[in-house]
C-alpha atoms as a PDB file:
ATOM      1  CA  UNK A   1     162.430  90.484 142.815  1.00  0.00           C
ATOM      2  CA  UNK A   2     161.770  93.046 139.956  1.00  0.00           C
ATOM      3  CA  UNK A   3     160.423  93.456 136.368  1.00  0.00           C
ATOM      4  CA  UNK A   4     162.154  94.693 133.614  1.00  0.00           C
ATOM      5  CA  UNK A   5     160.141  97.603 131.667  1.00  0.00           C
ATOM      6  CA  UNK A   6     161.456  99.594 129.058  1.00  0.00           C
ATOM      7  CA  UNK A   7     160.947 103.634 129.250  1.00  0.00           C
ATOM      8  CA  UNK A   8     160.923 105.813 126.137  1.00  0.00           C
ATOM      9  CA  UNK A   9     164.198 107.528 125.920  1.00  0.00           C
ATOM     10  CA  UNK A  10     166.025 105.205 127.977  1.00  0.00           C
ATOM     11  CA  UNK A  11     168.801 102.817 126.494  1.00  0.00           C
ATOM     12  CA  UNK A  12     168.514  99.913 128.904  1.00  0.00           C
ATOM     13  CA  UNK A  13     165.582  98.381 130.965  1.00  0.00           C
ATOM     14  CA  UNK A  14     164.371  99.865 134.274  1.00  0.00           C
ATOM     15  CA  UNK A  15     164.483  97.473 136.950  1.00  0.00           C
ATOM     16  CA  UNK A  16     160.901  97.641 138.727  1.00  0.00           C
ATOM     17  CA  UNK A  17     160.921  96.378 142.180  1.00  0.00           C
ATOM     18  CA  UNK A  18     158.436  94.124 143.385  1.00  0.00           C
ATOM     19  CA  UNK A  19     159.391  93.975 146.949  1.00  0.00           C
ATOM     20  CA  UNK A  20     159.389  97.029 149.159  1.00  0.00           C
ATOM     21  CA  UNK A  21     162.223  95.953 151.534  1.00  0.00           C
ATOM     22  CA  UNK A  22     164.302  95.794 148.460  1.00  0.00           C
ATOM     23  CA  UNK A  23     163.279  98.771 146.596  1.00  0.00           C
ATOM     24  CA  UNK A  24     163.911 100.971 150.049  1.00  0.00           C
ATOM     25  CA  UNK A  25     167.581  99.277 150.115  1.00  0.00           C
ATOM     26  CA  UNK A  26     168.134  99.880 146.437  1.00  0.00           C
ATOM     27  CA  UNK A  27     167.001 103.547 146.445  1.00  0.00           C
ATOM     28  CA  UNK A  28     168.928 104.473 149.849  1.00  0.00           C
ATOM     29  CA  UNK A  29     172.140 102.692 148.199  1.00  0.00           C
ATOM     30  CA  UNK A  30     171.597 104.988 145.103  1.00  0.00           C
ATOM     31  CA  UNK A  31     170.595 107.866 146.648  1.00  0.00           C
ATOM     32  CA  UNK A  32     166.942 108.284 144.481  1.00  0.00           C
ATOM     33  CA  UNK A  33     163.529 108.917 145.378  1.00  0.00           C
ATOM     34  CA  UNK A  34     161.532 105.432 146.101  1.00  0.00           C
ATOM     35  CA  UNK A  35     158.035 105.512 143.917  1.00  0.00           C
ATOM     36  CA  UNK A  36     155.941 102.899 145.063  1.00  0.00           C
ATOM     37  CA  UNK A  37     152.342 102.131 143.227  1.00  0.00           C
ATOM     38  CA  UNK A  38     150.088 100.199 145.739  1.00  0.00           C
ATOM     39  CA  UNK A  39     147.286  98.351 144.220  1.00  0.00           C
ATOM     40  CA  UNK A  40     147.512 100.061 141.062  1.00  0.00           C
ATOM     41  CA  UNK A  41     149.393 100.127 137.860  1.00  0.00           C
ATOM     42  CA  UNK A  42     151.852 102.839 136.958  1.00  0.00           C
ATOM     43  CA  UNK A  43     152.182 103.633 133.271  1.00  0.00           C
ATOM     44  CA  UNK A  44     155.775 104.015 133.280  1.00  0.00           C
ATOM     45  CA  UNK A  45     155.856 105.020 129.666  1.00  0.00           C
ATOM     46  CA  UNK A  46     154.605 108.311 130.601  1.00  0.00           C
ATOM     47  CA  UNK A  47     157.569 109.187 132.727  1.00  0.00           C
ATOM     48  CA  UNK A  48     160.403 111.383 131.258  1.00  0.00           C
ATOM     49  CA  UNK A  49     163.599 108.989 130.982  1.00  0.00           C
ATOM     50  CA  UNK A  50     165.302 112.157 132.922  1.00  0.00           C
ATOM     51  CA  UNK A  51     163.098 111.624 135.955  1.00  0.00           C
ATOM     52  CA  UNK A  52     162.884 108.000 135.881  1.00  0.00           C
ATOM     53  CA  UNK A  53     166.737 107.962 136.263  1.00  0.00           C
ATOM     54  CA  UNK A  54     166.252 109.832 139.874  1.00  0.00           C
ATOM     55  CA  UNK A  55     164.008 107.064 141.245  1.00  0.00           C
ATOM     56  CA  UNK A  56     163.922 103.559 142.202  1.00  0.00           C
ATOM     57  CA  UNK A  57     160.335 101.960 141.281  1.00  0.00           C
ATOM     58  CA  UNK A  58     158.279  99.741 143.232  1.00  0.00           C
ATOM     59  CA  UNK A  59     155.044  97.857 141.953  1.00  0.00           C
ATOM     60  CA  UNK A  60     153.129  96.261 144.892  1.00  0.00           C
ATOM     61  CA  UNK A  61     149.307  94.684 145.516  1.00  0.00           C
ATOM     62  CA  UNK A  62     147.596  96.490 148.117  1.00  0.00           C
ATOM     63  CA  UNK A  63     148.240  93.169 150.517  1.00  0.00           C
ATOM     64  CA  UNK A  64     151.830  93.749 150.398  1.00  0.00           C
ATOM     65  CA  UNK A  65     153.505  93.850 153.996  1.00  0.00           C
ATOM     66  CA  UNK A  66     156.855  95.482 155.521  1.00  0.00           C
ATOM     67  CA  UNK A  67     158.170  93.755 158.717  1.00  0.00           C
ATOM     68  CA  UNK A  68     157.930  96.770 161.756  1.00  0.00           C
ATOM     69  CA  UNK A  69     159.477  95.524 165.183  1.00  0.00           C
ATOM     70  CA  UNK A  70     159.446  91.967 164.120  1.00  0.00           C
ATOM     71  CA  UNK A  71     155.678  91.729 162.822  1.00  0.00           C
ATOM     72  CA  UNK A  72     154.423  92.267 159.351  1.00  0.00           C
ATOM     73  CA  UNK A  73     152.328  95.040 158.725  1.00  0.00           C
ATOM     74  CA  UNK A  74     150.193  95.964 155.420  1.00  0.00           C
ATOM     75  CA  UNK A  75     151.723  98.947 153.795  1.00  0.00           C
ATOM     76  CA  UNK A  76     148.268 100.264 152.496  1.00  0.00           C
ATOM     77  CA  UNK A  77     147.275 100.661 156.205  1.00  0.00           C
ATOM     78  CA  UNK A  78     150.406 101.999 157.568  1.00  0.00           C
ATOM     79  CA  UNK A  79     149.765 105.292 158.809  1.00  0.00           C
ATOM     80  CA  UNK A  80     152.473 106.825 156.849  1.00  0.00           C
ATOM     81  CA  UNK A  81     150.427 106.436 153.876  1.00  0.00           C
ATOM     82  CA  UNK A  82     146.929 107.360 155.233  1.00  0.00           C
ATOM     83  CA  UNK A  83     146.530 109.785 152.287  1.00  0.00           C
ATOM     84  CA  UNK A  84     146.846 107.612 149.668  1.00  0.00           C
ATOM     85  CA  UNK A  85     143.919 105.974 151.029  1.00  0.00           C
ATOM     86  CA  UNK A  86     144.579 102.358 150.566  1.00  0.00           C
ATOM     87  CA  UNK A  87     145.544 102.415 146.852  1.00  0.00           C
ATOM     88  CA  UNK A  88     147.952 104.932 144.910  1.00  0.00           C
ATOM     89  CA  UNK A  89     151.078 105.942 144.730  1.00  0.00           C
ATOM     90  CA  UNK A  90     153.776 107.356 147.179  1.00  0.00           C
ATOM     91  CA  UNK A  91     157.272 108.804 147.406  1.00  0.00           C
ATOM     92  CA  UNK A  92     159.754 108.206 149.806  1.00  0.00           C
ATOM     93  CA  UNK A  93     162.900 110.545 149.356  1.00  0.00           C
ATOM     94  CA  UNK A  94     166.040 108.621 149.979  1.00  0.00           C
ATOM     95  CA  UNK A  95     168.013 111.445 148.036  1.00  0.00           C
ATOM     96  CA  UNK A  96     167.683 115.099 149.426  1.00  0.00           C
ATOM     97  CA  UNK A  97     169.318 115.866 152.664  1.00  0.00           C
ATOM     98  CA  UNK A  98     166.688 117.010 155.084  1.00  0.00           C
ATOM     99  CA  UNK A  99     164.055 114.813 153.722  1.00  0.00           C
ATOM    100  CA  UNK A 100     165.647 112.099 153.675  1.00  0.00           C
ATOM    101  CA  UNK A 101     163.480 108.597 154.810  1.00  0.00           C
ATOM    102  CA  UNK A 102     160.488 110.758 154.636  1.00  0.00           C
ATOM    103  CA  UNK A 103     156.877 110.281 152.787  1.00  0.00           C
ATOM    104  CA  UNK A 104     157.039 113.590 150.483  1.00  0.00           C
ATOM    105  CA  UNK A 105     154.157 112.448 148.293  1.00  0.00           C
ATOM    106  CA  UNK A 106     150.850 110.664 148.244  1.00  0.00           C
ATOM    107  CA  UNK A 107     148.062 110.272 145.437  1.00  0.00           C
ATOM    108  CA  UNK A 108     145.001 108.298 146.338  1.00  0.00           C
ATOM    109  CA  UNK A 109     144.283 106.104 142.997  1.00  0.00           C
ATOM    110  CA  UNK A 110     141.522 108.213 141.972  1.00  0.00           C
ATOM    111  CA  UNK A 111     144.421 110.804 141.219  1.00  0.00           C
ATOM    112  CA  UNK A 112     146.850 108.675 139.748  1.00  0.00           C
ATOM    113  CA  UNK A 113     146.413 109.471 135.716  1.00  0.00           C
ATOM    114  CA  UNK A 114     149.801 108.870 133.693  1.00  0.00           C
ATOM    115  CA  UNK A 115     149.747 112.796 133.765  1.00  0.00           C
ATOM    116  CA  UNK A 116     149.585 112.752 137.364  1.00  0.00           C
ATOM    117  CA  UNK A 117     152.097 110.467 138.468  1.00  0.00           C
ATOM    118  CA  UNK A 118     154.682 112.150 135.930  1.00  0.00           C
ATOM    119  CA  UNK A 119     154.137 115.426 137.755  1.00  0.00           C
ATOM    120  CA  UNK A 120     154.471 113.825 141.049  1.00  0.00           C
ATOM    121  CA  UNK A 121     157.820 112.345 140.006  1.00  0.00           C
ATOM    122  CA  UNK A 122     159.314 115.779 138.551  1.00  0.00           C
ATOM    123  CA  UNK A 123     158.331 117.581 141.860  1.00  0.00           C
ATOM    124  CA  UNK A 124     161.465 119.652 143.731  1.00  0.00           C
ATOM    125  CA  UNK A 125     162.399 118.459 147.216  1.00  0.00           C
ATOM    126  CA  UNK A 126     160.126 119.233 149.859  1.00  0.00           C
ATOM    127  CA  UNK A 127     157.690 118.054 152.145  1.00  0.00           C
ATOM    128  CA  UNK A 128     154.674 116.144 151.650  1.00  0.00           C
ATOM    129  CA  UNK A 129     152.594 119.564 152.138  1.00  0.00           C
ATOM    130  CA  UNK A 130     155.053 121.449 150.111  1.00  0.00           C
ATOM    131  CA  UNK A 131     155.201 118.994 147.186  1.00  0.00           C
ATOM    132  CA  UNK A 132     151.399 118.251 147.214  1.00  0.00           C
ATOM    133  CA  UNK A 133     150.446 121.704 146.714  1.00  0.00           C
ATOM    134  CA  UNK A 134     153.292 122.510 144.346  1.00  0.00           C
ATOM    135  CA  UNK A 135     151.636 119.415 142.602  1.00  0.00           C
ATOM    136  CA  UNK A 136     148.458 120.696 142.276  1.00  0.00           C
ATOM    137  CA  UNK A 137     149.750 124.086 140.861  1.00  0.00           C
ATOM    138  CA  UNK A 138     151.325 122.315 138.055  1.00  0.00           C
ATOM    139  CA  UNK A 139     148.340 120.137 137.548  1.00  0.00           C
ATOM    140  CA  UNK A 140     146.021 122.844 136.850  1.00  0.00           C
ATOM    141  CA  UNK A 141     144.961 123.017 133.191  1.00  0.00           C
ATOM    142  CA  UNK A 142     146.056 126.695 132.782  1.00  0.00           C
ATOM    143  CA  UNK A 143     149.687 125.738 133.686  1.00  0.00           C
ATOM    144  CA  UNK A 144     150.399 128.690 136.514  1.00  0.00           C
ATOM    145  CA  UNK A 145     154.069 129.424 135.821  1.00  0.00           C
ATOM    146  CA  UNK A 146     155.126 129.923 139.342  1.00  0.00           C
ATOM    147  CA  UNK A 147     155.023 126.156 140.289  1.00  0.00           C
ATOM    148  CA  UNK A 148     157.825 125.823 137.486  1.00  0.00           C
ATOM    149  CA  UNK A 149     160.508 128.439 139.115  1.00  0.00           C
ATOM    150  CA  UNK A 150     163.082 127.547 141.698  1.00  0.00           C
ATOM    151  CA  UNK A 151     161.816 126.184 145.084  1.00  0.00           C
ATOM    152  CA  UNK A 152     163.646 128.863 146.989  1.00  0.00           C
ATOM    153  CA  UNK A 153     164.573 127.376 150.607  1.00  0.00           C
ATOM    154  CA  UNK A 154     164.031 130.706 152.438  1.00  0.00           C
ATOM    155  CA  UNK A 155     160.498 130.939 150.512  1.00  0.00           C
ATOM    156  CA  UNK A 156     159.624 127.500 151.464  1.00  0.00           C
ATOM    157  CA  UNK A 157     160.381 127.846 155.022  1.00  0.00           C
ATOM    158  CA  UNK A 158     158.129 131.264 154.729  1.00  0.00           C
ATOM    159  CA  UNK A 159     155.237 129.371 153.243  1.00  0.00           C
ATOM    160  CA  UNK A 160     155.385 126.410 155.980  1.00  0.00           C
ATOM    161  CA  UNK A 161     155.754 129.188 158.999  1.00  0.00           C
ATOM    162  CA  UNK A 162     152.862 131.215 157.882  1.00  0.00           C
ATOM    163  CA  UNK A 163     150.338 128.306 156.973  1.00  0.00           C
ATOM    164  CA  UNK A 164     151.187 126.993 160.116  1.00  0.00           C
ATOM    165  CA  UNK A 165     150.328 130.505 161.777  1.00  0.00           C
ATOM    166  CA  UNK A 166     147.179 130.650 159.663  1.00  0.00           C
ATOM    167  CA  UNK A 167     146.002 127.214 160.726  1.00  0.00           C
ATOM    168  CA  UNK A 168     146.804 127.561 164.640  1.00  0.00           C
ATOM    169  CA  UNK A 169     144.813 130.826 164.659  1.00  0.00           C
ATOM    170  CA  UNK A 170     141.957 129.272 162.321  1.00  0.00           C
ATOM    171  CA  UNK A 171     142.613 132.833 160.437  1.00  0.00           C
ATOM    172  CA  UNK A 172     143.515 133.316 156.764  1.00  0.00           C
ATOM    173  CA  UNK A 173     145.588 136.764 156.292  1.00  0.00           C
ATOM    174  CA  UNK A 174     148.452 137.933 154.886  1.00  0.00           C
ATOM    175  CA  UNK A 175     152.098 138.400 156.394  1.00  0.00           C
ATOM    176  CA  UNK A 176     154.861 139.150 154.172  1.00  0.00           C
ATOM    177  CA  UNK A 177     158.117 140.417 155.891  1.00  0.00           C
ATOM    178  CA  UNK A 178     159.927 142.938 154.046  1.00  0.00           C
ATOM    179  CA  UNK A 179     162.519 141.577 151.932  1.00  0.00           C
ATOM    180  CA  UNK A 180     161.564 137.854 152.299  1.00  0.00           C
ATOM    181  CA  UNK A 181     159.596 137.922 148.642  1.00  0.00           C
ATOM    182  CA  UNK A 182     158.033 140.123 146.083  1.00  0.00           C
ATOM    183  CA  UNK A 183     154.242 138.584 146.396  1.00  0.00           C
ATOM    184  CA  UNK A 184     152.215 136.728 148.420  1.00  0.00           C
ATOM    185  CA  UNK A 185     148.994 134.597 148.187  1.00  0.00           C
ATOM    186  CA  UNK A 186     146.996 132.763 150.851  1.00  0.00           C
ATOM    187  CA  UNK A 187     143.955 130.487 151.106  1.00  0.00           C
ATOM    188  CA  UNK A 188     142.216 128.074 152.935  1.00  0.00           C
ATOM    189  CA  UNK A 189     140.160 125.013 151.891  1.00  0.00           C
ATOM    190  CA  UNK A 190     136.583 124.043 152.449  1.00  0.00           C
ATOM    191  CA  UNK A 191     136.277 121.761 155.835  1.00  0.00           C
ATOM    192  CA  UNK A 192     135.022 118.731 154.206  1.00  0.00           C
ATOM    193  CA  UNK A 193     138.288 118.421 152.114  1.00  0.00           C
ATOM    194  CA  UNK A 194     140.393 116.477 154.705  1.00  0.00           C
ATOM    195  CA  UNK A 195     142.509 114.594 152.153  1.00  0.00           C
ATOM    196  CA  UNK A 196     145.610 116.755 151.729  1.00  0.00           C
ATOM    197  CA  UNK A 197     145.693 116.211 147.762  1.00  0.00           C
ATOM    198  CA  UNK A 198     141.974 117.091 147.588  1.00  0.00           C
ATOM    199  CA  UNK A 199     142.373 120.336 149.859  1.00  0.00           C
ATOM    200  CA  UNK A 200     145.397 121.318 147.698  1.00  0.00           C
ATOM    201  CA  UNK A 201     143.063 121.257 144.598  1.00  0.00           C
ATOM    202  CA  UNK A 202     140.487 123.070 146.481  1.00  0.00           C
ATOM    203  CA  UNK A 203     143.225 125.765 147.494  1.00  0.00           C
ATOM    204  CA  UNK A 204     144.460 126.015 143.745  1.00  0.00           C
ATOM    205  CA  UNK A 205     140.798 126.017 142.498  1.00  0.00           C
ATOM    206  CA  UNK A 206     140.181 129.315 145.124  1.00  0.00           C
ATOM    207  CA  UNK A 207     143.260 131.245 143.758  1.00  0.00           C
ATOM    208  CA  UNK A 208     141.935 130.745 140.489  1.00  0.00           C
ATOM    209  CA  UNK A 209     138.529 132.754 141.421  1.00  0.00           C
ATOM    210  CA  UNK A 210     140.601 135.717 142.635  1.00  0.00           C
ATOM    211  CA  UNK A 211     142.310 137.764 139.716  1.00  0.00           C
ATOM    212  CA  UNK A 212     144.845 139.367 142.170  1.00  0.00           C
ATOM    213  CA  UNK A 213     145.980 135.850 143.274  1.00  0.00           C
ATOM    214  CA  UNK A 214     145.528 134.317 140.448  1.00  0.00           C
ATOM    215  CA  UNK A 215     147.993 137.044 138.545  1.00  0.00           C
ATOM    216  CA  UNK A 216     150.729 136.318 141.023  1.00  0.00           C
ATOM    217  CA  UNK A 217     150.523 132.495 140.994  1.00  0.00           C
ATOM    218  CA  UNK A 218     150.455 132.401 137.189  1.00  0.00           C
ATOM    219  CA  UNK A 219     153.549 134.727 136.592  1.00  0.00           C
ATOM    220  CA  UNK A 220     157.054 133.581 135.941  1.00  0.00           C
ATOM    221  CA  UNK A 221     159.229 134.009 138.949  1.00  0.00           C
ATOM    222  CA  UNK A 222     162.846 133.326 139.610  1.00  0.00           C
ATOM    223  CA  UNK A 223     161.937 131.495 143.054  1.00  0.00           C
ATOM    224  CA  UNK A 224     158.889 130.154 144.585  1.00  0.00           C
ATOM    225  CA  UNK A 225     157.553 128.839 148.288  1.00  0.00           C
ATOM    226  CA  UNK A 226     154.511 126.988 148.445  1.00  0.00           C
ATOM    227  CA  UNK A 227     153.123 125.117 151.692  1.00  0.00           C
ATOM    228  CA  UNK A 228     149.952 124.482 153.313  1.00  0.00           C
ATOM    229  CA  UNK A 229     148.931 123.205 157.151  1.00  0.00           C
ATOM    230  CA  UNK A 230     145.451 121.890 158.759  1.00  0.00           C
ATOM    231  CA  UNK A 231     144.022 122.395 162.113  1.00  0.00           C
ATOM    232  CA  UNK A 232     142.571 119.216 161.920  1.00  0.00           C
ATOM    233  CA  UNK A 233     139.019 121.159 160.396  1.00  0.00           C
ATOM    234  CA  UNK A 234     140.501 123.041 157.345  1.00  0.00           C
ATOM    235  CA  UNK A 235     143.881 123.702 155.508  1.00  0.00           C
ATOM    236  CA  UNK A 236     145.456 126.985 154.911  1.00  0.00           C
ATOM    237  CA  UNK A 237     147.822 127.480 152.426  1.00  0.00           C
ATOM    238  CA  UNK A 238     150.743 130.200 151.292  1.00  0.00           C
ATOM    239  CA  UNK A 239     152.381 130.648 147.981  1.00  0.00           C
ATOM    240  CA  UNK A 240     155.335 133.487 147.907  1.00  0.00           C
ATOM    241  CA  UNK A 241     157.302 134.846 145.121  1.00  0.00           C
ATOM    242  CA  UNK A 242     160.550 136.590 144.190  1.00  0.00           C
END
């Protein structure tokens, strides 16, 4: 089932699915991102046509189910959507090689402003943690330009590795191998911010308080990499630029 919604800038109505299985199948067939709103309404008019054309949108209530191993499972309570906390927006990547089938963005309802969802839809390909930290940077009111550069695979891989090392050792530190990039920033979250979105916002706030880190983050670079990892107590983040 679907409903027709007119998006600004589109010449034809956008089909908004109201069945998760149908939406998933359509996004998979069309090699698009799947944007799922659960228990909330998305203001689709806020999403630019160029981004809307790259995604399939699905609107569900918080009781919607999907069949797993022959049994109905409530989507809002599925472990893949934990960070959404029952209501919000999820993005499943059915477009980009290396990420296909993965849940790559989750926003709890409290973060689902029109601007927040529009920013979510426009993010570059990446993992859940990479996209979440990039989202938090792009949402900052001072609009740091590093997050609007090109997401470089080598830099994303370094940010992933080093964030993991910091989390495993519970030690915030720099590690910028020669030749990888020109600048690196690191940070850790407060221990009470377990939700990945809240932790990402916290980390960006920490960088804002450091002139050196923020000076690098707000610059315009050719390429960037962002990622964050948790050890179950705190999140550790890395930003790297070239």
